[in-house]
Amino acid sequence: MTRRYFGTDGIRGLANKHPMTSEIALKVGMAAGKLFQNGSHRHRVVIGKDTRLSGYMLEAALMSGFTAVGMDVFLLGPMPTPAVAMLTRSLRADLGVMISASHNRYDDNGIKLFDPDGYKLSDEVELEIERLIEGPSEPLLASADSIGRATRVESAQERYIEFAKRTLPKNLRLNGLRIVIDCANGAAYKVAPEALWELGAEVIKIGVDPNGRNINYKCGSTAPEALIDKVREVRADIGIALDGDADRVVIVDEKGAIVDGDQLMAVIAESWNRRGKLSAGGIVATVMSNLGLERYLKGQGLSLARTPVGDRYVVEHMRRHGYNVGGEQSGHIVLSDFTTTGDGLVSSLQVLACVVATGKPVSEVCARFTPLPQVLQNVRYVNGKPLEDSRVQRAIEGAKQKLGDGGRLVIRPSGTEPVIRVMAEGDDEGLVNTVVGDIVEAVRTAAKAA
């Protein structure tokens, strides 16, 4: 069955355009609500959102759909994606929902669904929800006396803050650390600065004034320039940038240099391995993680298992093979001892624990390896399937031959937008740039001809 609504990370699109409309959100609530009702108890769903203007619209539509099929709704308001996953488990809910388009612009939005254990749904379950969405609504509706209720969880922020703090040793404090936190005008704009302050840090906040339209706008993990400037201005020890739903993090060291997810995973893996906490003898990352990370881990006697792009695939591999550290270069880091999805705040706290333990500056703690030259270019297209074009196939084969065993090539279509992502890495930066340029040109030519 062809997927009509779900992509690699839930349902996502331009707000008020198919499929991100109130009508579809209503049907998603009805379909998912019906599918996750098992037994005769009162069924619960937890709904969180980020700060996008369209979140109000989609929240109301989802709430209507869930209550119509007999589910009680717990509304969290603006909360990070990992908080929704955590509270789904904590509140013994049957389903969790996050309304967010993560790092996208404000005019996009999305719907992410979590099972009772706080994990993203499998492809099979998503396809079953799609089948119910396409079917008649009448059979899904509850009787008049079984319609659900909606309740706002007033303690949601405090519960998540306490959860995040408890991922650290009880006596660990951040006293003496000056931290700049950029919350991307998104879901963590209240909870992240509060958690750091309660742990004793001096906190300078930016990206904490959401207005519905400024989420991720010139701020957050995908635009860290403002954070870099502020770290240098106030001579901070560290800068932390979250994205719109706070499931990813980018660190800036005291010199203003960016530390990506690959370095952060190396820091955490080395620390946990030294303390006997790392399971399965390595970590899980995606095909986009730098070859330098793989070589570094090998030097530590650790392995790197690679998956397709998407934190759900990382989590699936972690669960299947017993890993407890995994993530993506973009800053989605999953620490399964604590969380079921990426958690930018919890990940940054683990890095801060290493800084406190060593007493060294962030620039030393987070420089675990020298990344190989890696070039990534995105090519947007309108029609056709450029990767199937013979010119593109020839360019790809030629690139593989040039890179040989000393490099890697990853070409993939985006799961959320009409974009082909072309990435290459190797020891020779000039060669890497050449092969990426050749493939990009071939894709553009194919796209124009389609």
Protein backbone atom coordinates (compact mmCIF):
# COMPACT_ATOMS: atom_id res chain seq x y z
CA MET A 1 0.00 0.00 0.00
CA THR A 2 1.35 3.42 -0.98
CA ARG A 3 1.79 5.84 1.92
CA ARG A 4 -0.40 8.89 1.37
CA TYR A 5 0.10 10.82 4.60
CA PHE A 6 3.03 9.57 6.68
CA GLY A 7 6.62 10.33 5.78
CA THR A 8 9.86 9.52 7.59
CA ASP A 9 8.79 11.47 10.69
CA GLY A 10 5.01 11.47 10.95
CA ILE A 11 2.76 13.62 8.80
CA ARG A 12 4.17 16.95 7.70
CA GLY A 13 3.32 19.75 5.29
CA LEU A 14 2.34 23.35 4.75
CA ALA A 15 -0.27 24.45 7.27
CA ASN A 16 -3.82 24.64 5.89
CA LYS A 17 -2.77 22.70 2.79
CA HIS A 18 -3.33 18.97 2.31
CA PRO A 19 -2.46 16.95 4.32
CA MET A 20 -1.85 19.44 7.11
CA THR A 21 -5.46 20.62 7.44
CA SER A 22 -7.98 20.56 10.27
CA GLU A 23 -9.98 17.95 8.37
CA ILE A 24 -7.06 15.53 8.13
CA ALA A 25 -6.03 16.20 11.75
CA LEU A 26 -9.59 15.38 12.83
CA LYS A 27 -9.46 12.11 10.88
CA VAL A 28 -6.03 11.26 12.26
CA GLY A 29 -7.40 11.69 15.77
CA MET A 30 -10.37 9.47 15.02
CA ALA A 31 -8.33 6.80 13.22
CA ALA A 32 -5.43 6.64 15.68
CA GLY A 33 -7.78 6.92 18.63
CA LYS A 34 -9.86 4.00 17.45
CA LEU A 35 -6.82 1.87 16.60
CA PHE A 36 -5.24 2.32 20.04
CA GLN A 37 -8.30 1.39 22.05
CA ASN A 38 -7.72 -2.01 23.59
CA GLY A 39 -9.80 -3.20 26.53
CA SER A 40 -12.70 -1.67 28.43
CA HIS A 41 -10.78 0.96 30.44
CA ARG A 42 -10.98 4.69 29.75
CA HIS A 43 -8.42 5.35 27.05
CA ARG A 44 -6.03 8.30 27.16
CA VAL A 45 -4.05 10.34 24.66
CA VAL A 46 -1.43 12.98 25.44
CA ILE A 47 -1.13 15.96 23.06
CA GLY A 48 1.78 18.40 23.04
CA LYS A 49 2.80 21.04 20.51
CA ASP A 50 5.46 23.57 19.69
CA THR A 51 4.82 27.29 19.25
CA ARG A 52 3.65 27.49 15.63
CA LEU A 53 0.56 29.56 14.91
CA SER A 54 -1.15 26.59 13.28
CA GLY A 55 -0.69 24.51 16.42
CA TYR A 56 -3.87 25.91 17.92
CA MET A 57 -5.87 24.81 14.90
CA LEU A 58 -4.42 21.32 14.73
CA GLU A 59 -4.60 20.78 18.49
CA ALA A 60 -8.33 21.53 18.50
CA ALA A 61 -8.96 19.27 15.50
CA LEU A 62 -7.02 16.37 16.98
CA MET A 63 -8.74 16.81 20.33
CA SER A 64 -12.13 16.70 18.59
CA GLY A 65 -11.19 13.53 16.71
CA PHE A 66 -9.91 11.71 19.79
CA THR A 67 -12.85 12.64 22.01
CA ALA A 68 -15.28 11.67 19.22
CA VAL A 69 -14.05 8.08 19.34
CA GLY A 70 -14.10 7.95 23.12
CA MET A 71 -10.57 8.86 24.19
CA ASP A 72 -9.81 11.22 27.07
CA VAL A 73 -7.32 13.91 26.05
CA PHE A 74 -4.51 15.35 28.18
CA LEU A 75 -3.32 18.68 26.75
CA LEU A 76 0.26 19.66 27.56
CA GLY A 77 0.54 22.92 25.63
CA PRO A 78 4.00 23.87 24.28
CA MET A 79 6.33 21.04 25.26
CA PRO A 80 9.37 19.33 23.71
CA THR A 81 8.79 16.18 21.67
CA PRO A 82 10.74 14.03 24.18
CA ALA A 83 8.54 15.40 26.96
CA VAL A 84 5.46 14.16 25.12
CA ALA A 85 7.01 10.72 24.77
CA MET A 86 7.97 10.68 28.45
CA LEU A 87 4.56 11.88 29.67
CA THR A 88 2.80 9.34 27.48
CA ARG A 89 4.51 6.67 29.55
CA SER A 90 4.19 8.52 32.85
CA LEU A 91 0.45 9.15 32.47
CA ARG A 92 -0.14 5.55 31.32
CA ALA A 93 -1.64 6.89 28.11
CA ASP A 94 -2.52 4.70 25.15
CA LEU A 95 -1.10 7.17 22.65
CA GLY A 96 1.01 10.33 22.46
CA VAL A 97 0.85 13.11 19.86
CA MET A 98 3.29 15.91 19.12
CA ILE A 99 2.21 18.73 16.82
CA SER A 100 5.40 20.04 15.26
CA ALA A 101 7.42 20.31 12.06
CA SER A 102 10.64 20.20 14.07
CA HIS A 103 13.27 22.49 12.49
CA ASN A 104 11.08 23.67 9.57
CA ARG A 105 9.68 27.17 9.09
CA TYR A 106 6.62 28.26 11.07
CA ASP A 107 4.24 27.82 8.12
CA ASP A 108 4.93 24.08 8.06
CA ASN A 109 3.52 21.80 10.71
CA GLY A 110 3.32 18.10 11.44
CA ILE A 111 1.83 15.34 13.55
CA LYS A 112 4.05 12.77 15.26
CA LEU A 113 2.50 9.79 17.03
CA PHE A 114 3.91 7.70 19.89
CA ASP A 115 2.79 4.32 21.17
CA PRO A 116 2.09 3.67 24.89
CA ASP A 117 5.81 3.05 25.51
CA GLY A 118 6.78 6.40 24.01
CA TYR A 119 8.18 5.07 20.73
CA LYS A 120 7.31 6.32 17.26
CA LEU A 121 4.90 4.10 15.39
CA SER A 122 5.97 1.37 13.00
CA ASP A 123 5.31 1.60 9.26
CA GLU A 124 2.66 -1.08 9.61
CA VAL A 125 0.71 0.84 12.26
CA GLU A 126 0.95 4.06 10.25
CA LEU A 127 -0.43 2.28 7.20
CA GLU A 128 -3.34 0.98 9.27
CA ILE A 129 -4.09 4.53 10.45
CA GLU A 130 -4.05 5.67 6.82
CA ARG A 131 -6.51 2.91 5.93
CA LEU A 132 -8.89 4.11 8.65
CA ILE A 133 -8.49 7.75 7.56
CA GLU A 134 -9.56 6.79 4.04
CA GLY A 135 -12.55 4.80 5.27
CA PRO A 136 -15.93 6.00 6.55
CA SER A 137 -15.94 7.90 9.85
CA GLU A 138 -19.27 6.70 11.17
CA PRO A 139 -18.07 3.26 12.37
CA LEU A 140 -15.30 4.93 14.41
CA LEU A 141 -17.56 7.15 16.52
CA ALA A 142 -18.28 6.43 20.17
CA SER A 143 -21.78 6.42 21.60
CA ALA A 144 -23.08 9.64 23.12
CA ASP A 145 -22.35 8.51 26.67
CA SER A 146 -18.79 7.38 25.78
CA ILE A 147 -17.45 10.61 24.26
CA GLY A 148 -14.09 11.57 25.74
CA ARG A 149 -13.14 14.52 27.94
CA ALA A 150 -10.25 16.96 27.60
CA THR A 151 -8.03 18.07 30.49
CA ARG A 152 -5.04 20.40 30.58
CA VAL A 153 -2.06 19.01 32.52
CA GLU A 154 -0.90 22.01 34.54
CA SER A 155 2.15 20.23 35.98
CA ALA A 156 3.59 19.09 32.64
CA GLN A 157 6.53 21.50 32.58
CA GLU A 158 7.60 20.76 36.14
CA ARG A 159 7.37 17.01 35.55
CA TYR A 160 9.62 17.18 32.51
CA ILE A 161 12.16 19.44 34.21
CA GLU A 162 12.45 17.00 37.10
CA PHE A 163 12.78 14.10 34.68
CA ALA A 164 15.62 15.84 32.81
CA LYS A 165 17.48 16.73 36.02
CA ARG A 166 17.28 13.16 37.27
CA THR A 167 19.28 11.92 34.30
CA LEU A 168 22.30 13.40 36.09
CA PRO A 169 23.96 12.14 39.28
CA LYS A 170 22.08 13.50 42.30
CA ASN A 171 24.99 15.61 43.59
CA LEU A 172 26.06 17.06 40.24
CA ARG A 173 25.61 20.80 39.93
CA LEU A 174 26.42 23.30 37.20
CA ASN A 175 27.63 26.03 39.56
CA GLY A 176 30.16 28.36 37.98
CA LEU A 177 29.15 27.56 34.41
CA ARG A 178 27.87 30.39 32.24
CA ILE A 179 25.52 28.86 29.66
CA VAL A 180 23.79 30.49 26.71
CA ILE A 181 20.67 28.57 25.70
CA ASP A 182 18.91 29.17 22.37
CA CYS A 183 15.45 27.60 22.38
CA ALA A 184 14.62 28.50 18.75
CA ASN A 185 11.47 30.30 19.93
CA GLY A 186 10.10 26.79 20.14
CA ALA A 187 8.71 24.15 22.44
CA ALA A 188 11.45 24.26 25.09
CA TYR A 189 11.44 28.03 25.59
CA LYS A 190 10.38 27.68 29.23
CA VAL A 191 11.58 24.26 30.37
CA ALA A 192 15.18 24.22 29.10
CA PRO A 193 16.39 27.48 30.71
CA GLU A 194 14.56 26.60 33.93
CA ALA A 195 16.21 23.17 34.16
CA LEU A 196 19.69 24.63 33.67
CA TRP A 197 19.04 27.35 36.25
CA GLU A 198 17.76 24.87 38.81
CA LEU A 199 20.99 22.89 38.37
CA GLY A 200 22.95 25.98 39.38
CA ALA A 201 24.14 27.43 36.08
CA GLU A 202 24.20 31.09 35.14
CA VAL A 203 21.77 31.08 32.21
CA ILE A 204 21.58 33.59 29.37
CA LYS A 205 18.48 32.97 27.27
CA ILE A 206 17.85 33.70 23.60
CA GLY A 207 15.14 32.42 21.29
CA VAL A 208 12.61 32.42 24.13
CA ASP A 209 10.03 34.88 22.80
CA PRO A 210 7.74 32.88 20.48
CA ASN A 211 5.05 34.76 18.57
CA GLY A 212 3.75 31.91 16.41
CA ARG A 213 5.83 32.90 13.39
CA ASN A 214 9.42 33.14 14.60
CA ILE A 215 10.10 29.50 15.48
CA ASN A 216 13.49 28.48 14.00
CA TYR A 217 13.80 31.91 12.38
CA LYS A 218 17.47 32.93 12.49
CA CYS A 219 17.85 30.94 15.70
CA GLY A 220 18.06 27.41 17.05
CA SER A 221 20.17 24.44 16.01
CA THR A 222 19.76 25.05 12.26
CA ALA A 223 20.83 28.71 12.51
CA PRO A 224 23.38 28.93 15.34
CA GLU A 225 24.92 32.26 14.31
CA ALA A 226 23.02 34.21 16.99
CA LEU A 227 24.16 31.71 19.62
CA ILE A 228 27.77 31.96 18.49
CA ASP A 229 27.65 35.76 18.74
CA LYS A 230 26.08 35.65 22.21
CA VAL A 231 28.58 33.09 23.52
CA ARG A 232 31.43 35.34 22.43
CA GLU A 233 29.72 38.48 23.70
CA VAL A 234 29.14 37.22 27.24
CA ARG A 235 32.22 34.96 27.30
CA ALA A 236 30.11 31.94 28.08
CA ASP A 237 31.52 28.52 28.82
CA ILE A 238 29.11 26.83 26.44
CA GLY A 239 26.21 27.53 24.09
CA ILE A 240 23.29 25.13 23.61
CA ALA A 241 21.00 25.40 20.59
CA LEU A 242 17.79 23.37 20.39
CA ASP A 243 15.45 23.10 17.43
CA GLY A 244 11.75 23.92 17.32
CA ASP A 245 10.58 20.80 19.13
CA ALA A 246 13.79 20.34 21.16
CA ASP A 247 14.57 16.80 20.05
CA ARG A 248 17.94 17.84 18.62
CA VAL A 249 20.85 19.89 19.93
CA VAL A 250 23.95 21.64 18.63
CA ILE A 251 26.67 22.79 21.02
CA VAL A 252 28.89 25.86 20.66
CA ASP A 253 32.14 25.82 22.63
CA GLU A 254 33.65 28.75 24.53
CA LYS A 255 35.51 29.85 21.39
CA GLY A 256 32.34 29.98 19.30
CA ALA A 257 33.02 26.78 17.35
CA ILE A 258 30.09 24.49 16.50
CA VAL A 259 30.05 20.95 17.88
CA ASP A 260 27.73 18.66 15.93
CA GLY A 261 25.94 15.47 16.89
CA ASP A 262 28.80 13.19 15.80
CA GLN A 263 31.19 14.79 18.29
CA LEU A 264 28.55 14.75 21.02
CA MET A 265 27.89 11.04 20.50
CA ALA A 266 31.65 10.41 20.71
CA VAL A 267 31.86 12.34 23.99
CA ILE A 268 28.94 10.49 25.55
CA ALA A 269 30.01 7.08 24.24
CA GLU A 270 33.56 7.48 25.58
CA SER A 271 32.30 8.68 28.97
CA TRP A 272 29.72 5.94 29.31
CA ASN A 273 32.17 3.27 28.16
CA ARG A 274 34.73 4.39 30.73
CA ARG A 275 32.09 4.11 33.47
CA GLY A 276 30.82 0.75 32.25
CA LYS A 277 27.47 2.19 31.17
CA LEU A 278 27.74 1.73 27.40
CA SER A 279 25.92 -1.32 26.13
CA ALA A 280 26.48 -3.45 23.02
CA GLY A 281 30.06 -2.27 22.62
CA GLY A 282 29.30 0.77 20.47
CA ILE A 283 26.70 3.18 19.18
CA VAL A 284 24.19 3.52 16.37
CA ALA A 285 24.29 6.36 13.85
CA THR A 286 23.02 6.97 10.33
CA VAL A 287 24.71 6.83 6.95
CA MET A 288 25.24 10.61 7.23
CA SER A 289 27.57 10.45 10.25
CA ASN A 290 31.17 11.35 9.50
CA LEU A 291 33.69 8.63 8.74
CA GLY A 292 35.93 10.29 11.31
CA LEU A 293 33.49 9.22 14.04
CA GLU A 294 33.65 5.62 12.86
CA ARG A 295 37.45 5.65 12.84
CA TYR A 296 37.59 7.27 16.29
CA LEU A 297 35.25 4.71 17.84
CA LYS A 298 37.23 1.88 16.28
CA GLY A 299 40.33 3.29 17.95
CA GLN A 300 38.46 3.11 21.27
CA GLY A 301 37.54 -0.50 20.64
CA LEU A 302 33.93 0.46 19.90
CA SER A 303 31.71 -0.19 16.91
CA LEU A 304 29.49 2.06 14.82
CA ALA A 305 26.32 0.55 13.37
CA ARG A 306 24.75 2.61 10.57
CA THR A 307 21.08 2.95 9.64
CA PRO A 308 19.08 4.92 7.06
CA VAL A 309 18.51 8.60 7.89
CA GLY A 310 15.83 9.18 10.51
CA ASP A 311 15.92 8.82 14.28
CA ARG A 312 13.15 6.21 14.14
CA TYR A 313 15.51 3.86 12.27
CA VAL A 314 18.26 4.56 14.78
CA VAL A 315 15.89 3.73 17.64
CA GLU A 316 14.65 0.57 15.94
CA HIS A 317 18.22 -0.69 15.56
CA MET A 318 19.05 0.24 19.15
CA ARG A 319 16.07 -1.68 20.48
CA ARG A 320 16.69 -4.68 18.29
CA HIS A 321 20.38 -5.03 19.17
CA GLY A 322 20.63 -3.64 22.72
CA TYR A 323 22.45 -0.35 22.17
CA ASN A 324 21.81 2.56 24.56
CA VAL A 325 23.50 5.41 22.65
CA GLY A 326 22.59 6.44 19.12
CA GLY A 327 21.73 9.42 17.02
CA GLU A 328 22.32 11.61 14.02
CA GLN A 329 24.93 14.14 12.97
CA SER A 330 22.18 16.78 13.03
CA GLY A 331 21.96 16.50 16.81
CA HIS A 332 19.18 13.94 17.32
CA ILE A 333 20.76 11.92 20.11
CA VAL A 334 18.89 9.04 21.72
CA LEU A 335 20.00 7.82 25.14
CA SER A 336 17.71 4.87 25.73
CA ASP A 337 18.59 4.59 29.41
CA PHE A 338 16.49 7.74 29.74
CA THR A 339 14.50 8.46 26.58
CA THR A 340 12.74 6.82 23.66
CA THR A 341 13.44 9.58 21.17
CA GLY A 342 15.94 12.38 20.62
CA ASP A 343 16.15 14.79 23.57
CA GLY A 344 18.21 17.94 23.11
CA LEU A 345 18.14 18.96 26.78
CA VAL A 346 19.02 15.54 28.19
CA SER A 347 21.82 15.12 25.64
CA SER A 348 23.31 18.51 26.50
CA LEU A 349 23.15 17.65 30.21
CA GLN A 350 25.23 14.53 29.58
CA VAL A 351 27.84 16.66 27.83
CA LEU A 352 27.78 19.16 30.68
CA ALA A 353 28.34 16.29 33.11
CA CYS A 354 31.57 15.48 31.22
CA VAL A 355 32.63 19.14 31.38
CA VAL A 356 32.04 19.25 35.14
CA ALA A 357 33.77 15.91 35.72
CA THR A 358 36.91 16.82 33.79
CA GLY A 359 37.11 20.51 34.65
CA LYS A 360 38.24 21.11 31.07
CA PRO A 361 36.81 23.67 28.63
CA VAL A 362 34.17 22.52 26.16
CA SER A 363 36.58 22.97 23.24
CA GLU A 364 38.75 20.20 24.71
CA VAL A 365 35.98 17.94 25.96
CA CYS A 366 34.08 17.97 22.66
CA ALA A 367 36.99 17.66 20.22
CA ARG A 368 37.13 13.86 20.12
CA PHE A 369 38.16 13.47 16.49
CA THR A 370 39.00 15.42 13.35
CA PRO A 371 36.11 15.09 10.88
CA LEU A 372 36.90 14.05 7.34
CA PRO A 373 35.99 16.58 4.65
CA GLN A 374 32.28 16.08 4.06
CA VAL A 375 30.20 17.93 1.48
CA LEU A 376 26.41 17.92 1.41
CA GLN A 377 24.31 19.64 -1.25
CA ASN A 378 20.54 19.63 -1.67
CA VAL A 379 18.93 19.73 -5.11
CA ARG A 380 15.28 20.71 -5.28
CA TYR A 381 13.09 19.31 -8.05
CA VAL A 382 9.48 19.65 -9.15
CA ASN A 383 8.61 16.62 -11.27
CA GLY A 384 9.86 13.15 -12.03
CA LYS A 385 12.33 10.88 -10.25
CA PRO A 386 15.79 12.30 -10.95
CA LEU A 387 17.65 9.43 -9.29
CA GLU A 388 16.31 6.99 -11.89
CA ASP A 389 17.78 9.02 -14.77
CA SER A 390 20.64 7.29 -16.58
CA ARG A 391 22.82 10.42 -16.46
CA VAL A 392 22.52 10.52 -12.68
CA GLN A 393 23.29 6.81 -12.40
CA ARG A 394 26.46 7.25 -14.47
CA ALA A 395 27.57 10.20 -12.31
CA ILE A 396 27.03 8.16 -9.16
CA GLU A 397 29.01 5.19 -10.46
CA GLY A 398 31.83 7.49 -11.54
CA ALA A 399 31.91 9.10 -8.09
CA LYS A 400 32.13 5.73 -6.36
CA GLN A 401 35.08 4.73 -8.48
CA LYS A 402 36.92 8.00 -7.79
CA LEU A 403 36.37 7.83 -4.02
CA GLY A 404 37.32 4.16 -3.76
CA ASP A 405 37.66 2.60 -0.31
CA GLY A 406 38.85 5.84 1.29
CA GLY A 407 35.54 7.66 1.06
CA ARG A 408 31.77 7.35 1.24
CA LEU A 409 28.90 8.50 -0.95
CA VAL A 410 25.28 8.87 0.17
CA ILE A 411 22.53 10.01 -2.22
CA ARG A 412 18.97 9.99 -0.96
CA PRO A 413 15.65 11.72 -1.49
CA SER A 414 14.34 13.71 1.46
CA GLY A 415 11.44 12.12 3.26
CA THR A 416 9.73 15.44 3.94
CA GLU A 417 10.29 17.63 0.85
CA PRO A 418 11.06 17.31 -2.92
CA VAL A 419 14.82 17.43 -2.47
CA ILE A 420 17.67 15.10 -3.41
CA ARG A 421 20.48 15.13 -0.84
CA VAL A 422 23.97 14.43 -2.17
CA MET A 423 26.72 13.76 0.36
CA ALA A 424 30.31 12.62 -0.10
CA GLU A 425 33.28 12.43 2.23
CA GLY A 426 36.88 11.34 2.06
CA ASP A 427 40.44 12.29 2.91
CA ASP A 428 40.84 14.42 -0.26
CA GLU A 429 38.60 17.50 0.07
CA GLY A 430 39.11 18.54 -3.55
CA LEU A 431 37.99 15.15 -4.80
CA VAL A 432 34.96 15.21 -2.51
CA ASN A 433 33.88 18.58 -3.89
CA THR A 434 34.36 17.38 -7.46
CA VAL A 435 32.25 14.23 -7.16
CA VAL A 436 29.43 16.05 -5.36
CA GLY A 437 29.44 18.76 -8.02
CA ASP A 438 29.25 16.16 -10.80
CA ILE A 439 26.27 14.39 -9.25
CA VAL A 440 24.45 17.63 -8.41
CA GLU A 441 24.80 18.83 -11.99
CA ALA A 442 23.46 15.52 -13.30
CA VAL A 443 20.47 15.68 -10.93
CA ARG A 444 19.69 19.25 -11.98
CA THR A 445 19.84 18.29 -15.65
CA ALA A 446 17.55 15.32 -15.07
CA ALA A 447 15.12 17.44 -13.06
CA LYS A 448 14.89 20.04 -15.82
CA ALA A 449 14.24 17.36 -18.42
CA ALA A 450 11.45 15.72 -16.41
